[in-house]
Amino acid sequence: VQFVESGGGLVQPGGSLTLSCAVSGALISKYGWAWYRQAPGKQREWVANIENDGTTLHHDSVKGRFGISRDIARNVVILQMNSLKSDDTGLYYCNSPLGWPLYPWGQGTQVTVSS
């Protein structure tokens, strides 16, 4: 399984971005997926899950601001990010959900929230 993340960029606080993760080698409808992020100088952390039945779960720090979803036709996992804060700055990746074996990480997509 391989991942290609895209959609990051520089945005002002309060702004929005939509991240996409193109998954190859697996049908996203059959498995759960997750978004993770890594801030400069910090360990990678989990952000959100979407299960194979469509159930979603979000980290408390992004609840109400971020939304994970999927486009089954395009085999893409999506992260809609609203009301962005400087603490959301980091490199964003997708992979298996927490507790599941992880695949090799993609290159990630950089999100920078700054005025």
PDB file of N, CA and C in Angstrom:
ATOM      1  N   VAL A   1       0.850  -1.191   0.000  1.00  0.00           N
ATOM      2  CA  VAL A   1       0.000   0.000   0.000  1.00  0.00           C
ATOM      3  C   VAL A   1       0.885   1.240   0.000  1.00  0.00           C
ATOM      4  N   GLN A   2       0.508   2.210  -0.812  1.00  0.00           N
ATOM      5  CA  GLN A   2       1.253   3.468  -0.869  1.00  0.00           C
ATOM      6  C   GLN A   2       0.311   4.642  -0.724  1.00  0.00           C
ATOM      7  N   PHE A   3       0.866   5.726  -0.208  1.00  0.00           N
ATOM      8  CA  PHE A   3       0.073   6.932   0.036  1.00  0.00           C
ATOM      9  C   PHE A   3       0.728   8.133  -0.645  1.00  0.00           C
ATOM     10  N   VAL A   4      -0.107   8.974  -1.229  1.00  0.00           N
ATOM     11  CA  VAL A   4       0.375  10.251  -1.753  1.00  0.00           C
ATOM     12  C   VAL A   4      -0.520  11.341  -1.169  1.00  0.00           C
ATOM     13  N   GLU A   5       0.057  12.102  -0.238  1.00  0.00           N
ATOM     14  CA  GLU A   5      -0.686  13.171   0.420  1.00  0.00           C
ATOM     15  C   GLU A   5      -0.493  14.482  -0.333  1.00  0.00           C
ATOM     16  N   SER A   6      -1.540  15.290  -0.352  1.00  0.00           N
ATOM     17  CA  SER A   6      -1.468  16.578  -1.042  1.00  0.00           C
ATOM     18  C   SER A   6      -2.466  17.545  -0.414  1.00  0.00           C
ATOM     19  N   GLY A   7      -2.352  18.813  -0.808  1.00  0.00           N
ATOM     20  CA  GLY A   7      -3.312  19.810  -0.375  1.00  0.00           C
ATOM     21  C   GLY A   7      -2.824  20.761   0.698  1.00  0.00           C
ATOM     22  N   GLY A   8      -1.629  20.523   1.214  1.00  0.00           N
ATOM     23  CA  GLY A   8      -1.103  21.403   2.240  1.00  0.00           C
ATOM     24  C   GLY A   8      -0.724  22.759   1.674  1.00  0.00           C
ATOM     25  N   GLY A   9      -0.315  23.652   2.579  1.00  0.00           N
ATOM     26  CA  GLY A   9       0.091  24.979   2.143  1.00  0.00           C
ATOM     27  C   GLY A   9       0.222  25.915   3.320  1.00  0.00           C
ATOM     28  N   LEU A  10       0.411  27.166   3.008  1.00  0.00           N
ATOM     29  CA  LEU A  10       0.509  28.216   4.010  1.00  0.00           C
ATOM     30  C   LEU A  10      -0.855  28.891   4.134  1.00  0.00           C
ATOM     31  N   VAL A  11      -1.359  28.989   5.348  1.00  0.00           N
ATOM     32  CA  VAL A  11      -2.675  29.574   5.572  1.00  0.00           C
ATOM     33  C   VAL A  11      -2.629  30.407   6.842  1.00  0.00           C
ATOM     34  N   GLN A  12      -3.426  31.455   6.876  1.00  0.00           N
ATOM     35  CA  GLN A  12      -3.488  32.305   8.059  1.00  0.00           C
ATOM     36  C   GLN A  12      -4.321  31.630   9.146  1.00  0.00           C
ATOM     37  N   PRO A  13      -4.081  31.981  10.393  1.00  0.00           N
ATOM     38  CA  PRO A  13      -4.924  31.451  11.476  1.00  0.00           C
ATOM     39  C   PRO A  13      -6.394  31.728  11.185  1.00  0.00           C
ATOM     40  N   GLY A  14      -7.212  30.716  11.442  1.00  0.00           N
ATOM     41  CA  GLY A  14      -8.631  30.825  11.138  1.00  0.00           C
ATOM     42  C   GLY A  14      -9.000  30.338   9.757  1.00  0.00           C
ATOM     43  N   GLY A  15      -8.009  30.066   8.940  1.00  0.00           N
ATOM     44  CA  GLY A  15      -8.260  29.625   7.573  1.00  0.00           C
ATOM     45  C   GLY A  15      -8.579  28.149   7.482  1.00  0.00           C
ATOM     46  N   SER A  16      -8.737  27.699   6.240  1.00  0.00           N
ATOM     47  CA  SER A  16      -9.117  26.311   5.985  1.00  0.00           C
ATOM     48  C   SER A  16      -8.228  25.694   4.915  1.00  0.00           C
ATOM     49  N   LEU A  17      -8.074  24.393   4.999  1.00  0.00           N
ATOM     50  CA  LEU A  17      -7.389  23.613   3.979  1.00  0.00           C
ATOM     51  C   LEU A  17      -8.084  22.266   3.864  1.00  0.00           C
ATOM     52  N   THR A  18      -7.986  21.683   2.683  1.00  0.00           N
ATOM     53  CA  THR A  18      -8.484  20.326   2.484  1.00  0.00           C
ATOM     54  C   THR A  18      -7.330  19.453   2.017  1.00  0.00           C
ATOM     55  N   LEU A  19      -7.009  18.452   2.819  1.00  0.00           N
ATOM     56  CA  LEU A  19      -5.936  17.520   2.483  1.00  0.00           C
ATOM     57  C   LEU A  19      -6.517  16.275   1.827  1.00  0.00           C
ATOM     58  N   SER A  20      -5.763  15.725   0.890  1.00  0.00           N
ATOM     59  CA  SER A  20      -6.163  14.485   0.234  1.00  0.00           C
ATOM     60  C   SER A  20      -5.056  13.459   0.370  1.00  0.00           C
ATOM     61  N   CYS A  21      -5.453  12.217   0.500  1.00  0.00           N
ATOM     62  CA  CYS A  21      -4.504  11.105   0.540  1.00  0.00           C
ATOM     63  C   CYS A  21      -4.951  10.076  -0.482  1.00  0.00           C
ATOM     64  N   ALA A  22      -4.220   9.997  -1.572  1.00  0.00           N
ATOM     65  CA  ALA A  22      -4.508   8.999  -2.588  1.00  0.00           C
ATOM     66  C   ALA A  22      -3.882   7.681  -2.158  1.00  0.00           C
ATOM     67  N   VAL A  23      -4.712   6.659  -2.026  1.00  0.00           N
ATOM     68  CA  VAL A  23      -4.256   5.349  -1.567  1.00  0.00           C
ATOM     69  C   VAL A  23      -4.179   4.409  -2.767  1.00  0.00           C
ATOM     70  N   SER A  24      -3.064   3.736  -2.911  1.00  0.00           N
ATOM     71  CA  SER A  24      -2.938   2.722  -3.954  1.00  0.00           C
ATOM     72  C   SER A  24      -2.554   1.401  -3.300  1.00  0.00           C
ATOM     73  N   GLY A  25      -3.044   0.315  -3.887  1.00  0.00           N
ATOM     74  CA  GLY A  25      -2.738  -1.011  -3.356  1.00  0.00           C
ATOM     75  C   GLY A  25      -3.781  -1.571  -2.416  1.00  0.00           C
ATOM     76  N   ALA A  26      -4.821  -0.797  -2.132  1.00  0.00           N
ATOM     77  CA  ALA A  26      -5.916  -1.256  -1.270  1.00  0.00           C
ATOM     78  C   ALA A  26      -7.151  -0.427  -1.562  1.00  0.00           C
ATOM     79  N   LEU A  27      -8.309  -1.072  -1.434  1.00  0.00           N
ATOM     80  CA  LEU A  27      -9.567  -0.337  -1.579  1.00  0.00           C
ATOM     81  C   LEU A  27      -9.914   0.292  -0.241  1.00  0.00           C
ATOM     82  N   ILE A  28     -10.041   1.618  -0.223  1.00  0.00           N
ATOM     83  CA  ILE A  28     -10.246   2.288   1.062  1.00  0.00           C
ATOM     84  C   ILE A  28     -11.562   1.881   1.711  1.00  0.00           C
ATOM     85  N   SER A  29     -12.516   1.403   0.926  1.00  0.00           N
ATOM     86  CA  SER A  29     -13.817   1.032   1.486  1.00  0.00           C
ATOM     87  C   SER A  29     -13.728  -0.223   2.349  1.00  0.00           C
ATOM     88  N   LYS A  30     -12.660  -0.977   2.205  1.00  0.00           N
ATOM     89  CA  LYS A  30     -12.556  -2.256   2.915  1.00  0.00           C
ATOM     90  C   LYS A  30     -11.827  -2.133   4.246  1.00  0.00           C
ATOM     91  N   TYR A  31     -11.127  -1.013   4.456  1.00  0.00           N
ATOM     92  CA  TYR A  31     -10.285  -0.885   5.634  1.00  0.00           C
ATOM     93  C   TYR A  31     -10.477   0.484   6.288  1.00  0.00           C
ATOM     94  N   GLY A  32      -9.964   0.589   7.507  1.00  0.00           N
ATOM     95  CA  GLY A  32      -9.928   1.882   8.164  1.00  0.00           C
ATOM     96  C   GLY A  32      -8.645   2.612   7.808  1.00  0.00           C
ATOM     97  N   TRP A  33      -8.706   3.967   7.947  1.00  0.00           N
ATOM     98  CA  TRP A  33      -7.548   4.806   7.621  1.00  0.00           C
ATOM     99  C   TRP A  33      -7.481   5.948   8.620  1.00  0.00           C
ATOM    100  N   ALA A  34      -6.332   6.560   8.664  1.00  0.00           N
ATOM    101  CA  ALA A  34      -6.158   7.635   9.650  1.00  0.00           C
ATOM    102  C   ALA A  34      -5.253   8.716   9.093  1.00  0.00           C
ATOM    103  N   TRP A  35      -5.397   9.905   9.646  1.00  0.00           N
ATOM    104  CA  TRP A  35      -4.469  10.999   9.411  1.00  0.00           C
ATOM    105  C   TRP A  35      -3.618  11.182  10.667  1.00  0.00           C
ATOM    106  N   TYR A  36      -2.357  11.502  10.434  1.00  0.00           N
ATOM    107  CA  TYR A  36      -1.410  11.781  11.496  1.00  0.00           C
ATOM    108  C   TYR A  36      -0.708  13.100  11.142  1.00  0.00           C
ATOM    109  N   ARG A  37      -0.041  13.680  12.132  1.00  0.00           N
ATOM    110  CA  ARG A  37       0.749  14.867  11.840  1.00  0.00           C
ATOM    111  C   ARG A  37       1.985  14.884  12.737  1.00  0.00           C
ATOM    112  N   GLN A  38       2.987  15.588  12.243  1.00  0.00           N
ATOM    113  CA  GLN A  38       4.232  15.730  13.003  1.00  0.00           C
ATOM    114  C   GLN A  38       4.655  17.187  12.972  1.00  0.00           C
ATOM    115  N   ALA A  39       4.621  17.797  14.136  1.00  0.00           N
ATOM    116  CA  ALA A  39       5.059  19.186  14.257  1.00  0.00           C
ATOM    117  C   ALA A  39       6.576  19.222  14.372  1.00  0.00           C
ATOM    118  N   PRO A  40       7.195  20.330  14.031  1.00  0.00           N
ATOM    119  CA  PRO A  40       8.657  20.437  14.130  1.00  0.00           C
ATOM    120  C   PRO A  40       9.141  20.114  15.539  1.00  0.00           C
ATOM    121  N   GLY A  41      10.086  19.205  15.639  1.00  0.00           N
ATOM    122  CA  GLY A  41      10.664  18.856  16.926  1.00  0.00           C
ATOM    123  C   GLY A  41       9.807  17.971  17.803  1.00  0.00           C
ATOM    124  N   LYS A  42       8.678  17.494  17.266  1.00  0.00           N
ATOM    125  CA  LYS A  42       7.783  16.657  18.071  1.00  0.00           C
ATOM    126  C   LYS A  42       7.562  15.317  17.393  1.00  0.00           C
ATOM    127  N   GLN A  43       7.046  14.382  18.161  1.00  0.00           N
ATOM    128  CA  GLN A  43       6.740  13.070  17.599  1.00  0.00           C
ATOM    129  C   GLN A  43       5.461  13.131  16.772  1.00  0.00           C
ATOM    130  N   ARG A  44       5.356  12.191  15.865  1.00  0.00           N
ATOM    131  CA  ARG A  44       4.149  12.087  15.060  1.00  0.00           C
ATOM    132  C   ARG A  44       2.970  11.761  15.966  1.00  0.00           C
ATOM    133  N   GLU A  45       1.824  12.393  15.726  1.00  0.00           N
ATOM    134  CA  GLU A  45       0.639  12.136  16.541  1.00  0.00           C
ATOM    135  C   GLU A  45      -0.565  11.841  15.654  1.00  0.00           C
ATOM    136  N   TRP A  46      -1.457  11.061  16.218  1.00  0.00           N
ATOM    137  CA  TRP A  46      -2.687  10.707  15.520  1.00  0.00           C
ATOM    138  C   TRP A  46      -3.644  11.896  15.512  1.00  0.00           C
ATOM    139  N   VAL A  47      -4.367  12.073  14.402  1.00  0.00           N
ATOM    140  CA  VAL A  47      -5.305  13.181  14.256  1.00  0.00           C
ATOM    141  C   VAL A  47      -6.751  12.693  14.144  1.00  0.00           C
ATOM    142  N   ALA A  48      -6.995  11.713  13.282  1.00  0.00           N
ATOM    143  CA  ALA A  48      -8.373  11.262  13.051  1.00  0.00           C
ATOM    144  C   ALA A  48      -8.372   9.902  12.377  1.00  0.00           C
ATOM    145  N   ASN A  49      -9.447   9.150  12.627  1.00  0.00           N
ATOM    146  CA  ASN A  49      -9.684   7.826  12.024  1.00  0.00           C
ATOM    147  C   ASN A  49     -10.958   7.849  11.208  1.00  0.00           C
ATOM    148  N   ILE A  50     -10.998   7.041  10.162  1.00  0.00           N
ATOM    149  CA  ILE A  50     -12.268   6.685   9.532  1.00  0.00           C
ATOM    150  C   ILE A  50     -12.268   5.176   9.358  1.00  0.00           C
ATOM    151  N   GLU A  51     -13.282   4.511   9.898  1.00  0.00           N
ATOM    152  CA  GLU A  51     -13.348   3.051   9.834  1.00  0.00           C
ATOM    153  C   GLU A  51     -13.965   2.613   8.510  1.00  0.00           C
ATOM    154  N   ASN A  52     -13.905   1.308   8.239  1.00  0.00           N
ATOM    155  CA  ASN A  52     -14.420   0.821   6.958  1.00  0.00           C
ATOM    156  C   ASN A  52     -15.926   1.028   6.837  1.00  0.00           C
ATOM    157  N   ASP A  53     -16.631   1.172   7.967  1.00  0.00           N
ATOM    158  CA  ASP A  53     -18.072   1.428   7.903  1.00  0.00           C
ATOM    159  C   ASP A  53     -18.383   2.922   7.864  1.00  0.00           C
ATOM    160  N   GLY A  54     -17.347   3.742   7.818  1.00  0.00           N
ATOM    161  CA  GLY A  54     -17.541   5.190   7.731  1.00  0.00           C
ATOM    162  C   GLY A  54     -17.540   5.914   9.058  1.00  0.00           C
ATOM    163  N   THR A  55     -17.487   5.170  10.146  1.00  0.00           N
ATOM    164  CA  THR A  55     -17.430   5.789  11.475  1.00  0.00           C
ATOM    165  C   THR A  55     -16.146   6.590  11.613  1.00  0.00           C
ATOM    166  N   THR A  56     -16.263   7.774  12.188  1.00  0.00           N
ATOM    167  CA  THR A  56     -15.087   8.636  12.342  1.00  0.00           C
ATOM    168  C   THR A  56     -14.802   8.917  13.811  1.00  0.00           C
ATOM    169  N   LEU A  57     -13.537   9.230  14.069  1.00  0.00           N
ATOM    170  CA  LEU A  57     -13.079   9.582  15.406  1.00  0.00           C
ATOM    171  C   LEU A  57     -11.993  10.634  15.249  1.00  0.00           C
ATOM    172  N   HIS A  58     -12.061  11.674  16.071  1.00  0.00           N
ATOM    173  CA  HIS A  58     -11.100  12.763  15.959  1.00  0.00           C
ATOM    174  C   HIS A  58     -10.431  13.028  17.291  1.00  0.00           C
ATOM    175  N   HIS A  59      -9.172  13.413  17.236  1.00  0.00           N
ATOM    176  CA  HIS A  59      -8.448  13.816  18.436  1.00  0.00           C
ATOM    177  C   HIS A  59      -9.172  15.016  19.048  1.00  0.00           C
ATOM    178  N   ASP A  60      -9.147  15.082  20.371  1.00  0.00           N
ATOM    179  CA  ASP A  60      -9.842  16.184  21.041  1.00  0.00           C
ATOM    180  C   ASP A  60      -9.378  17.557  20.560  1.00  0.00           C
ATOM    181  N   SER A  61      -8.096  17.664  20.217  1.00  0.00           N
ATOM    182  CA  SER A  61      -7.542  18.968  19.831  1.00  0.00           C
ATOM    183  C   SER A  61      -8.077  19.472  18.497  1.00  0.00           C
ATOM    184  N   VAL A  62      -8.690  18.586  17.701  1.00  0.00           N
ATOM    185  CA  VAL A  62      -9.200  19.006  16.393  1.00  0.00           C
ATOM    186  C   VAL A  62     -10.698  18.811  16.273  1.00  0.00           C
ATOM    187  N   LYS A  63     -11.309  18.249  17.310  1.00  0.00           N
ATOM    188  CA  LYS A  63     -12.743  17.962  17.263  1.00  0.00           C
ATOM    189  C   LYS A  63     -13.531  19.248  17.025  1.00  0.00           C
ATOM    190  N   GLY A  64     -14.472  19.182  16.091  1.00  0.00           N
ATOM    191  CA  GLY A  64     -15.267  20.353  15.768  1.00  0.00           C
ATOM    192  C   GLY A  64     -14.636  21.273  14.740  1.00  0.00           C
ATOM    193  N   ARG A  65     -13.359  21.063  14.462  1.00  0.00           N
ATOM    194  CA  ARG A  65     -12.653  21.888  13.458  1.00  0.00           C
ATOM    195  C   ARG A  65     -12.242  21.067  12.237  1.00  0.00           C
ATOM    196  N   PHE A  66     -11.830  19.835  12.442  1.00  0.00           N
ATOM    197  CA  PHE A  66     -11.380  18.961  11.353  1.00  0.00           C
ATOM    198  C   PHE A  66     -12.435  17.888  11.103  1.00  0.00           C
ATOM    199  N   GLY A  67     -12.492  17.421   9.869  1.00  0.00           N
ATOM    200  CA  GLY A  67     -13.385  16.329   9.538  1.00  0.00           C
ATOM    201  C   GLY A  67     -12.727  15.366   8.566  1.00  0.00           C
ATOM    202  N   ILE A  68     -12.627  14.095   8.967  1.00  0.00           N
ATOM    203  CA  ILE A  68     -12.081  13.077   8.078  1.00  0.00           C
ATOM    204  C   ILE A  68     -13.223  12.451   7.282  1.00  0.00           C
ATOM    205  N   SER A  69     -12.981  12.201   6.017  1.00  0.00           N
ATOM    206  CA  SER A  69     -13.985  11.567   5.163  1.00  0.00           C
ATOM    207  C   SER A  69     -13.260  10.778   4.075  1.00  0.00           C
ATOM    208  N   ARG A  70     -14.014  10.205   3.173  1.00  0.00           N
ATOM    209  CA  ARG A  70     -13.393   9.433   2.111  1.00  0.00           C
ATOM    210  C   ARG A  70     -14.197   9.572   0.823  1.00  0.00           C
ATOM    211  N   ASP A  71     -13.507   9.496  -0.278  1.00  0.00           N
ATOM    212  CA  ASP A  71     -14.127   9.476  -1.599  1.00  0.00           C
ATOM    213  C   ASP A  71     -13.829   8.091  -2.164  1.00  0.00           C
ATOM    214  N   ILE A  72     -14.798   7.197  -2.025  1.00  0.00           N
ATOM    215  CA  ILE A  72     -14.566   5.805  -2.409  1.00  0.00           C
ATOM    216  C   ILE A  72     -14.317   5.671  -3.904  1.00  0.00           C
ATOM    217  N   ALA A  73     -15.007   6.470  -4.694  1.00  0.00           N
ATOM    218  CA  ALA A  73     -14.851   6.379  -6.154  1.00  0.00           C
ATOM    219  C   ALA A  73     -13.428   6.714  -6.576  1.00  0.00           C
ATOM    220  N   ARG A  74     -12.809   7.667  -5.864  1.00  0.00           N
ATOM    221  CA  ARG A  74     -11.445   8.071  -6.219  1.00  0.00           C
ATOM    222  C   ARG A  74     -10.398   7.360  -5.369  1.00  0.00           C
ATOM    223  N   ASN A  75     -10.856   6.581  -4.373  1.00  0.00           N
ATOM    224  CA  ASN A  75      -9.943   5.901  -3.445  1.00  0.00           C
ATOM    225  C   ASN A  75      -9.050   6.906  -2.715  1.00  0.00           C
ATOM    226  N   VAL A  76      -9.672   7.943  -2.211  1.00  0.00           N
ATOM    227  CA  VAL A  76      -8.966   9.037  -1.548  1.00  0.00           C
ATOM    228  C   VAL A  76      -9.550   9.262  -0.157  1.00  0.00           C
ATOM    229  N   VAL A  77      -8.670   9.435   0.806  1.00  0.00           N
ATOM    230  CA  VAL A  77      -9.053   9.803   2.174  1.00  0.00           C
ATOM    231  C   VAL A  77      -8.813  11.309   2.327  1.00  0.00           C
ATOM    232  N   ILE A  78      -9.759  11.994   2.907  1.00  0.00           N
ATOM    233  CA  ILE A  78      -9.763  13.453   2.938  1.00  0.00           C
ATOM    234  C   ILE A  78      -9.731  13.959   4.378  1.00  0.00           C
ATOM    235  N   LEU A  79      -9.061  15.069   4.592  1.00  0.00           N
ATOM    236  CA  LEU A  79      -9.105  15.741   5.883  1.00  0.00           C
ATOM    237  C   LEU A  79      -9.457  17.206   5.632  1.00  0.00           C
ATOM    238  N   GLN A  80     -10.660  17.583   5.995  1.00  0.00           N
ATOM    239  CA  GLN A  80     -11.086  18.973   5.901  1.00  0.00           C
ATOM    240  C   GLN A  80     -10.690  19.662   7.196  1.00  0.00           C
ATOM    241  N   MET A  81      -9.935  20.747   7.081  1.00  0.00           N
ATOM    242  CA  MET A  81      -9.426  21.442   8.260  1.00  0.00           C
ATOM    243  C   MET A  81      -9.934  22.878   8.246  1.00  0.00           C
ATOM    244  N   ASN A  82     -10.667  23.240   9.267  1.00  0.00           N
ATOM    245  CA  ASN A  82     -11.209  24.595   9.411  1.00  0.00           C
ATOM    246  C   ASN A  82     -10.695  25.228  10.693  1.00  0.00           C
ATOM    247  N   SER A  83     -10.842  26.530  10.781  1.00  0.00           N
ATOM    248  CA  SER A  83     -10.426  27.263  11.995  1.00  0.00           C
ATOM    249  C   SER A  83      -9.018  26.884  12.421  1.00  0.00           C
ATOM    250  N   LEU A  84      -8.125  26.896  11.471  1.00  0.00           N
ATOM    251  CA  LEU A  84      -6.753  26.447  11.727  1.00  0.00           C
ATOM    252  C   LEU A  84      -6.038  27.354  12.718  1.00  0.00           C
ATOM    253  N   LYS A  85      -5.200  26.710  13.529  1.00  0.00           N
ATOM    254  CA  LYS A  85      -4.407  27.406  14.542  1.00  0.00           C
ATOM    255  C   LYS A  85      -2.931  27.153  14.275  1.00  0.00           C
ATOM    256  N   SER A  86      -2.088  27.967  14.884  1.00  0.00           N
ATOM    257  CA  SER A  86      -0.643  27.776  14.692  1.00  0.00           C
ATOM    258  C   SER A  86      -0.200  26.399  15.178  1.00  0.00           C
ATOM    259  N   ASP A  87      -0.869  25.872  16.191  1.00  0.00           N
ATOM    260  CA  ASP A  87      -0.531  24.535  16.706  1.00  0.00           C
ATOM    261  C   ASP A  87      -0.818  23.430  15.702  1.00  0.00           C
ATOM    262  N   ASP A  88      -1.576  23.728  14.669  1.00  0.00           N
ATOM    263  CA  ASP A  88      -1.874  22.722  13.649  1.00  0.00           C
ATOM    264  C   ASP A  88      -0.751  22.605  12.621  1.00  0.00           C
ATOM    265  N   THR A  89       0.241  23.450  12.718  1.00  0.00           N
ATOM    266  CA  THR A  89       1.367  23.402  11.786  1.00  0.00           C
ATOM    267  C   THR A  89       2.105  22.076  11.898  1.00  0.00           C
ATOM    268  N   GLY A  90       2.414  21.490  10.751  1.00  0.00           N
ATOM    269  CA  GLY A  90       3.160  20.240  10.745  1.00  0.00           C
ATOM    270  C   GLY A  90       3.050  19.542   9.414  1.00  0.00           C
ATOM    271  N   LEU A  91       3.696  18.392   9.368  1.00  0.00           N
ATOM    272  CA  LEU A  91       3.647  17.537   8.178  1.00  0.00           C
ATOM    273  C   LEU A  91       2.549  16.504   8.409  1.00  0.00           C
ATOM    274  N   TYR A  92       1.602  16.436   7.494  1.00  0.00           N
ATOM    275  CA  TYR A  92       0.438  15.576   7.644  1.00  0.00           C
ATOM    276  C   TYR A  92       0.573  14.339   6.765  1.00  0.00           C
ATOM    277  N   TYR A  93       0.274  13.194   7.361  1.00  0.00           N
ATOM    278  CA  TYR A  93       0.396  11.897   6.686  1.00  0.00           C
ATOM    279  C   TYR A  93      -0.892  11.089   6.873  1.00  0.00           C
ATOM    280  N   CYS A  94      -1.103  10.129   5.986  1.00  0.00           N
ATOM    281  CA  CYS A  94      -2.162   9.149   6.229  1.00  0.00           C
ATOM    282  C   CYS A  94      -1.543   7.761   6.293  1.00  0.00           C
ATOM    283  N   ASN A  95      -2.282   6.862   6.927  1.00  0.00           N
ATOM    284  CA  ASN A  95      -1.810   5.485   7.102  1.00  0.00           C
ATOM    285  C   ASN A  95      -2.931   4.688   7.747  1.00  0.00           C
ATOM    286  N   SER A  96      -2.629   3.501   8.220  1.00  0.00           N
ATOM    287  CA  SER A  96      -3.623   2.687   8.925  1.00  0.00           C
ATOM    288  C   SER A  96      -3.996   3.374  10.231  1.00  0.00           C
ATOM    289  N   PRO A  97      -5.133   3.003  10.810  1.00  0.00           N
ATOM    290  CA  PRO A  97      -5.509   3.582  12.098  1.00  0.00           C
ATOM    291  C   PRO A  97      -4.596   3.099  13.216  1.00  0.00           C
ATOM    292  N   LEU A  98      -4.655   3.795  14.342  1.00  0.00           N
ATOM    293  CA  LEU A  98      -3.905   3.375  15.517  1.00  0.00           C
ATOM    294  C   LEU A  98      -4.252   1.937  15.868  1.00  0.00           C
ATOM    295  N   GLY A  99      -3.229   1.171  16.253  1.00  0.00           N
ATOM    296  CA  GLY A  99      -3.452  -0.207  16.651  1.00  0.00           C
ATOM    297  C   GLY A  99      -3.377  -1.201  15.519  1.00  0.00           C
ATOM    298  N   TRP A 100      -3.299  -0.714  14.309  1.00  0.00           N
ATOM    299  CA  TRP A 100      -3.170  -1.579  13.145  1.00  0.00           C
ATOM    300  C   TRP A 100      -1.741  -1.489  12.602  1.00  0.00           C
ATOM    301  N   PRO A 101      -1.280  -2.532  11.925  1.00  0.00           N
ATOM    302  CA  PRO A 101       0.061  -2.448  11.332  1.00  0.00           C
ATOM    303  C   PRO A 101       0.143  -1.276  10.364  1.00  0.00           C
ATOM    304  N   LEU A 102       1.217  -0.553  10.453  1.00  0.00           N
ATOM    305  CA  LEU A 102       1.393   0.605   9.593  1.00  0.00           C
ATOM    306  C   LEU A 102       2.111   0.231   8.312  1.00  0.00           C
ATOM    307  N   TYR A 103       1.757   0.896   7.251  1.00  0.00           N
ATOM    308  CA  TYR A 103       2.443   0.762   5.974  1.00  0.00           C
ATOM    309  C   TYR A 103       3.584   1.778   5.908  1.00  0.00           C
ATOM    310  N   PRO A 104       4.465   1.655   4.915  1.00  0.00           N
ATOM    311  CA  PRO A 104       5.502   2.688   4.764  1.00  0.00           C
ATOM    312  C   PRO A 104       4.860   4.069   4.620  1.00  0.00           C
ATOM    313  N   TRP A 105       5.430   5.050   5.272  1.00  0.00           N
ATOM    314  CA  TRP A 105       4.870   6.395   5.240  1.00  0.00           C
ATOM    315  C   TRP A 105       5.109   7.052   3.883  1.00  0.00           C
ATOM    316  N   GLY A 106       4.145   7.854   3.469  1.00  0.00           N
ATOM    317  CA  GLY A 106       4.321   8.663   2.280  1.00  0.00           C
ATOM    318  C   GLY A 106       5.173   9.876   2.594  1.00  0.00           C
ATOM    319  N   GLN A 107       5.223  10.802   1.655  1.00  0.00           N
ATOM    320  CA  GLN A 107       6.070  11.982   1.845  1.00  0.00           C
ATOM    321  C   GLN A 107       5.396  13.039   2.715  1.00  0.00           C
ATOM    322  N   GLY A 108       4.097  12.888   2.911  1.00  0.00           N
ATOM    323  CA  GLY A 108       3.361  13.856   3.710  1.00  0.00           C
ATOM    324  C   GLY A 108       3.091  15.134   2.939  1.00  0.00           C
ATOM    325  N   THR A 109       2.265  15.976   3.543  1.00  0.00           N
ATOM    326  CA  THR A 109       1.987  17.288   2.964  1.00  0.00           C
ATOM    327  C   THR A 109       2.097  18.329   4.072  1.00  0.00           C
ATOM    328  N   GLN A 110       2.820  19.400   3.796  1.00  0.00           N
ATOM    329  CA  GLN A 110       3.140  20.391   4.824  1.00  0.00           C
ATOM    330  C   GLN A 110       1.996  21.379   4.997  1.00  0.00           C
ATOM    331  N   VAL A 111       1.606  21.562   6.237  1.00  0.00           N
ATOM    332  CA  VAL A 111       0.616  22.581   6.596  1.00  0.00           C
ATOM    333  C   VAL A 111       1.301  23.596   7.507  1.00  0.00           C
ATOM    334  N   THR A 112       1.260  24.846   7.106  1.00  0.00           N
ATOM    335  CA  THR A 112       1.855  25.908   7.913  1.00  0.00           C
ATOM    336  C   THR A 112       0.787  26.964   8.183  1.00  0.00           C
ATOM    337  N   VAL A 113       0.525  27.172   9.457  1.00  0.00           N
ATOM    338  CA  VAL A 113      -0.480  28.164   9.854  1.00  0.00           C
ATOM    339  C   VAL A 113       0.254  29.346  10.482  1.00  0.00           C
ATOM    340  N   SER A 114       0.232  30.453   9.791  1.00  0.00           N
ATOM    341  CA  SER A 114       0.996  31.609  10.248  1.00  0.00           C
ATOM    342  C   SER A 114       0.429  32.886   9.627  1.00  0.00           C
ATOM    343  N   SER A 115       0.525  33.945  10.379  1.00  0.00           N
ATOM    344  CA  SER A 115       0.090  35.241   9.842  1.00  0.00           C
ATOM    345  C   SER A 115       1.286  35.973   9.214  1.00  0.00           C
TER     346      SER A 115
END
